[in-house]
N, C-alpha and C. Protein backbone atom coordinates (compact mmCIF):
# COMPACT_ATOMS: atom_id res chain seq x y z
N UNK A 1 5.91 -29.55 57.23
CA UNK A 1 4.50 -28.53 56.89
C UNK A 1 4.77 -27.54 57.53
N UNK A 2 5.67 -26.66 58.29
CA UNK A 2 5.05 -25.93 59.18
C UNK A 2 5.00 -24.82 58.20
N UNK A 3 4.33 -23.54 58.71
CA UNK A 3 4.27 -21.92 58.08
C UNK A 3 4.36 -21.32 58.86
N UNK A 4 4.61 -20.05 58.63
CA UNK A 4 4.46 -18.73 59.93
C UNK A 4 2.75 -18.95 60.15
N UNK A 5 2.65 -18.20 61.69
CA UNK A 5 1.48 -18.25 61.89
C UNK A 5 0.84 -17.26 61.04
N UNK A 6 -0.47 -17.07 60.83
CA UNK A 6 -1.11 -15.71 60.49
C UNK A 6 -2.40 -15.30 60.78
N UNK A 7 -2.52 -14.32 60.46
CA UNK A 7 -3.95 -13.80 60.77
C UNK A 7 -5.39 -14.41 60.58
N UNK A 8 -5.35 -15.41 59.57
CA UNK A 8 -5.72 -15.92 58.93
C UNK A 8 -6.44 -16.94 60.12
N UNK A 9 -7.96 -17.53 59.72
CA UNK A 9 -8.64 -18.78 61.06
C UNK A 9 -7.94 -19.76 60.59
N UNK A 10 -7.36 -20.81 61.60
CA UNK A 10 -6.76 -22.09 61.36
C UNK A 10 -8.23 -22.92 62.33
N UNK A 11 -8.23 -23.80 62.08
CA UNK A 11 -8.84 -25.19 62.94
C UNK A 11 -8.29 -26.67 62.68
N UNK A 12 -8.60 -27.18 63.73
CA UNK A 12 -7.88 -28.68 64.05
C UNK A 12 -8.78 -29.31 63.61
N UNK A 13 -8.27 -30.43 63.15
CA UNK A 13 -8.95 -32.24 63.00
C UNK A 13 -8.50 -33.01 63.57
N UNK A 14 -9.16 -33.57 64.17
CA UNK A 14 -8.74 -35.11 65.26
C UNK A 14 -9.12 -35.91 64.83
N UNK A 15 -8.94 -37.21 64.68
CA UNK A 15 -9.26 -38.22 63.86
C UNK A 15 -8.41 -39.28 65.08
N UNK A 16 -9.58 -40.28 65.22
CA UNK A 16 -9.35 -41.26 66.10
C UNK A 16 -9.03 -42.30 65.62
N UNK A 17 -8.42 -43.16 65.33
CA UNK A 17 -8.39 -44.53 64.45
C UNK A 17 -7.77 -45.71 65.18
N UNK A 18 -8.23 -46.39 66.02
CA UNK A 18 -7.39 -47.47 66.07
C UNK A 18 -6.39 -47.53 67.00
N UNK A 19 -5.22 -47.52 66.97
CA UNK A 19 -3.87 -47.27 68.22
C UNK A 19 -3.45 -45.66 68.00
N UNK A 20 -3.94 -44.54 66.68
CA UNK A 20 -3.36 -43.20 66.10
C UNK A 20 -4.10 -42.26 66.48
N UNK A 21 -3.80 -40.81 67.19
CA UNK A 21 -4.48 -39.91 67.15
C UNK A 21 -3.97 -39.44 65.98
N UNK A 22 -4.29 -38.84 65.15
CA UNK A 22 -4.17 -38.25 64.09
C UNK A 22 -4.35 -36.45 64.24
N UNK A 23 -4.04 -35.14 64.10
CA UNK A 23 -4.03 -33.86 64.40
C UNK A 23 -3.59 -33.15 62.91
N UNK A 24 -4.76 -32.56 62.71
CA UNK A 24 -3.64 -31.69 61.65
C UNK A 24 -4.38 -30.15 61.85
N UNK A 25 -3.50 -28.85 61.26
CA UNK A 25 -4.41 -27.52 60.93
C UNK A 25 -4.64 -27.48 60.02
N UNK A 26 -5.50 -27.06 59.39
CA UNK A 26 -5.98 -26.77 58.38
C UNK A 26 -6.50 -25.28 57.99
N UNK A 27 -5.94 -24.05 57.06
CA UNK A 27 -6.16 -23.04 57.19
C UNK A 27 -7.73 -22.73 56.96
N UNK A 28 -8.54 -21.40 56.32
CA UNK A 28 -9.33 -21.51 56.56
C UNK A 28 -9.98 -21.45 54.82
N UNK A 29 -8.74 -21.48 54.23
CA UNK A 29 -9.10 -21.82 52.42
C UNK A 29 -8.53 -23.13 52.52
N UNK A 30 -8.72 -24.21 52.96
CA UNK A 30 -8.43 -25.16 53.30
C UNK A 30 -6.87 -26.27 53.06
N UNK A 31 -5.94 -24.99 53.05
CA UNK A 31 -4.46 -25.55 53.06
C UNK A 31 -3.96 -26.44 54.07
N UNK A 32 -3.32 -27.77 54.65
CA UNK A 32 -2.54 -28.45 55.14
C UNK A 32 -1.58 -27.20 55.71
N UNK A 33 -1.39 -27.01 57.20
CA UNK A 33 -0.26 -26.67 57.69
C UNK A 33 0.21 -27.23 58.36
N UNK A 34 0.05 -28.16 59.39
CA UNK A 34 0.93 -29.04 60.23
C UNK A 34 -0.02 -30.29 60.25
N UNK A 35 1.16 -31.66 60.23
CA UNK A 35 0.61 -32.68 60.74
C UNK A 35 0.75 -32.93 61.84
N UNK A 36 0.17 -33.98 62.87
CA UNK A 36 0.99 -34.79 63.80
C UNK A 36 0.02 -35.77 64.51
N UNK A 37 0.86 -37.05 64.95
CA UNK A 37 0.88 -38.46 64.87
C UNK A 37 1.36 -38.51 66.39
N UNK A 38 0.17 -39.36 67.07
CA UNK A 38 0.64 -40.10 68.35
C UNK A 38 0.12 -41.22 68.54
N UNK A 39 0.58 -41.82 69.47
CA UNK A 39 -0.53 -43.26 69.72
C UNK A 39 -1.55 -43.11 70.68
N UNK A 40 -2.54 -43.79 70.82
CA UNK A 40 -3.94 -43.31 70.76
C UNK A 40 -3.82 -44.24 72.66
N UNK A 41 -3.51 -43.07 73.12
CA UNK A 41 -3.98 -43.96 74.71
C UNK A 41 -5.55 -43.83 75.22
N UNK A 42 -6.22 -45.09 74.98
CA UNK A 42 -7.67 -45.43 75.01
C UNK A 42 -8.20 -44.62 76.39
N UNK A 43 -7.08 -45.10 77.86
CA UNK A 43 -7.14 -44.50 79.20
C UNK A 43 -7.22 -43.06 79.26
N UNK A 44 -6.34 -42.58 78.83
CA UNK A 44 -6.34 -41.17 79.02
C UNK A 44 -6.56 -40.16 77.82
N UNK A 45 -7.69 -40.62 77.24
CA UNK A 45 -8.09 -40.12 76.16
C UNK A 45 -8.19 -38.16 75.73
N UNK A 46 -8.94 -38.11 76.86
CA UNK A 46 -8.94 -36.65 77.02
C UNK A 46 -7.88 -36.11 77.18
N UNK A 47 -7.01 -36.12 77.51
CA UNK A 47 -5.53 -35.65 78.02
C UNK A 47 -4.26 -35.51 77.20
N UNK A 48 -4.86 -37.23 76.18
CA UNK A 48 -3.99 -37.14 74.98
C UNK A 48 -4.67 -35.86 74.10
N UNK A 49 -5.55 -35.94 73.78
CA UNK A 49 -6.29 -34.94 72.78
C UNK A 49 -5.94 -33.55 72.76
N UNK A 50 -5.88 -33.14 74.51
CA UNK A 50 -5.69 -31.67 74.63
C UNK A 50 -4.18 -31.67 74.67
N UNK A 51 -3.75 -32.65 75.02
CA UNK A 51 -2.01 -32.54 74.89
C UNK A 51 -1.46 -32.16 73.19
N UNK A 52 -2.10 -32.94 72.15
CA UNK A 52 -1.68 -32.79 70.99
C UNK A 52 -2.26 -31.32 70.56
N UNK A 53 -3.17 -31.06 70.98
CA UNK A 53 -3.94 -29.53 70.54
C UNK A 53 -3.13 -28.58 71.13
N UNK A 54 -2.59 -28.97 72.34
CA UNK A 54 -1.73 -27.72 72.73
C UNK A 54 -0.14 -27.50 71.98
N UNK A 55 0.13 -28.58 71.49
CA UNK A 55 1.32 -28.53 70.61
C UNK A 55 0.56 -27.75 69.61
N UNK A 56 -0.06 -28.16 68.93
CA UNK A 56 -0.83 -27.53 67.68
C UNK A 56 -0.65 -26.11 68.02
N UNK A 57 -1.31 -25.79 69.24
CA UNK A 57 -1.80 -23.73 69.44
C UNK A 57 -0.24 -23.49 69.44
N UNK A 58 0.97 -23.59 69.40
CA UNK A 58 1.93 -23.27 69.17
C UNK A 58 2.82 -23.25 67.92
N UNK A 59 2.10 -24.25 67.38
CA UNK A 59 2.15 -23.70 65.79
C UNK A 59 1.90 -22.39 65.38
N UNK A 60 0.38 -22.81 65.58
CA UNK A 60 -0.81 -21.37 65.03
C UNK A 60 -1.52 -20.84 65.88
N UNK A 61 -1.00 -19.91 66.54
CA UNK A 61 -1.60 -19.70 67.89
C UNK A 61 -3.52 -19.38 67.71
N UNK A 62 -3.68 -18.41 65.98
CA UNK A 62 -4.89 -17.92 65.36
C UNK A 62 -5.55 -19.64 65.20
N UNK A 63 -6.54 -20.28 66.41
CA UNK A 63 -7.39 -21.49 66.27
C UNK A 63 -8.57 -20.78 66.11
N UNK A 64 -9.46 -21.22 65.27
CA UNK A 64 -10.81 -21.04 65.33
C UNK A 64 -11.73 -22.14 66.23
N UNK A 65 -11.50 -23.35 65.58
CA UNK A 65 -11.99 -24.36 66.53
C UNK A 65 -11.63 -25.79 66.00
N UNK A 66 -12.10 -26.81 66.96
CA UNK A 66 -11.16 -28.52 66.88
C UNK A 66 -12.66 -28.96 66.38
N UNK A 67 -12.29 -29.78 65.80
CA UNK A 67 -13.03 -31.20 65.30
C UNK A 67 -12.96 -32.48 65.78
N UNK A 68 -13.83 -33.08 66.04
CA UNK A 68 -13.18 -34.82 66.62
C UNK A 68 -14.09 -35.41 65.35
N UNK A 69 -13.09 -36.47 64.83
CA UNK A 69 -13.68 -37.60 64.26
C UNK A 69 -13.32 -38.97 64.90
N UNK A 70 -13.98 -39.83 64.87
CA UNK A 70 -14.20 -40.83 65.86
C UNK A 70 -15.30 -41.76 64.90
N UNK A 71 -14.58 -42.51 64.03
CA UNK A 71 -15.36 -43.85 63.35
C UNK A 71 -15.91 -44.97 63.99
N UNK A 72 -17.02 -45.27 63.56
CA UNK A 72 -18.22 -46.50 63.75
C UNK A 72 -17.22 -47.89 63.67
N UNK A 73 -17.99 -48.95 64.14
CA UNK A 73 -17.30 -49.63 63.76
C UNK A 73 -18.44 -50.88 62.83
């Protein structure tokens, strides 16, 4: 799902669910650009999220914002 970086704004969506950290890059027009998954390390949550965001910045450096979804019980 990788595409070349563009000048169009892109966004990262983070979903913390159970034991999985999911992160996606979405373009300004809603196109899914990249998807990543990693084990969710509850003890190092901020470090885990920052690490996956850094990985995605290498794919698309023109990121506008990051949103995080944490489902309730």
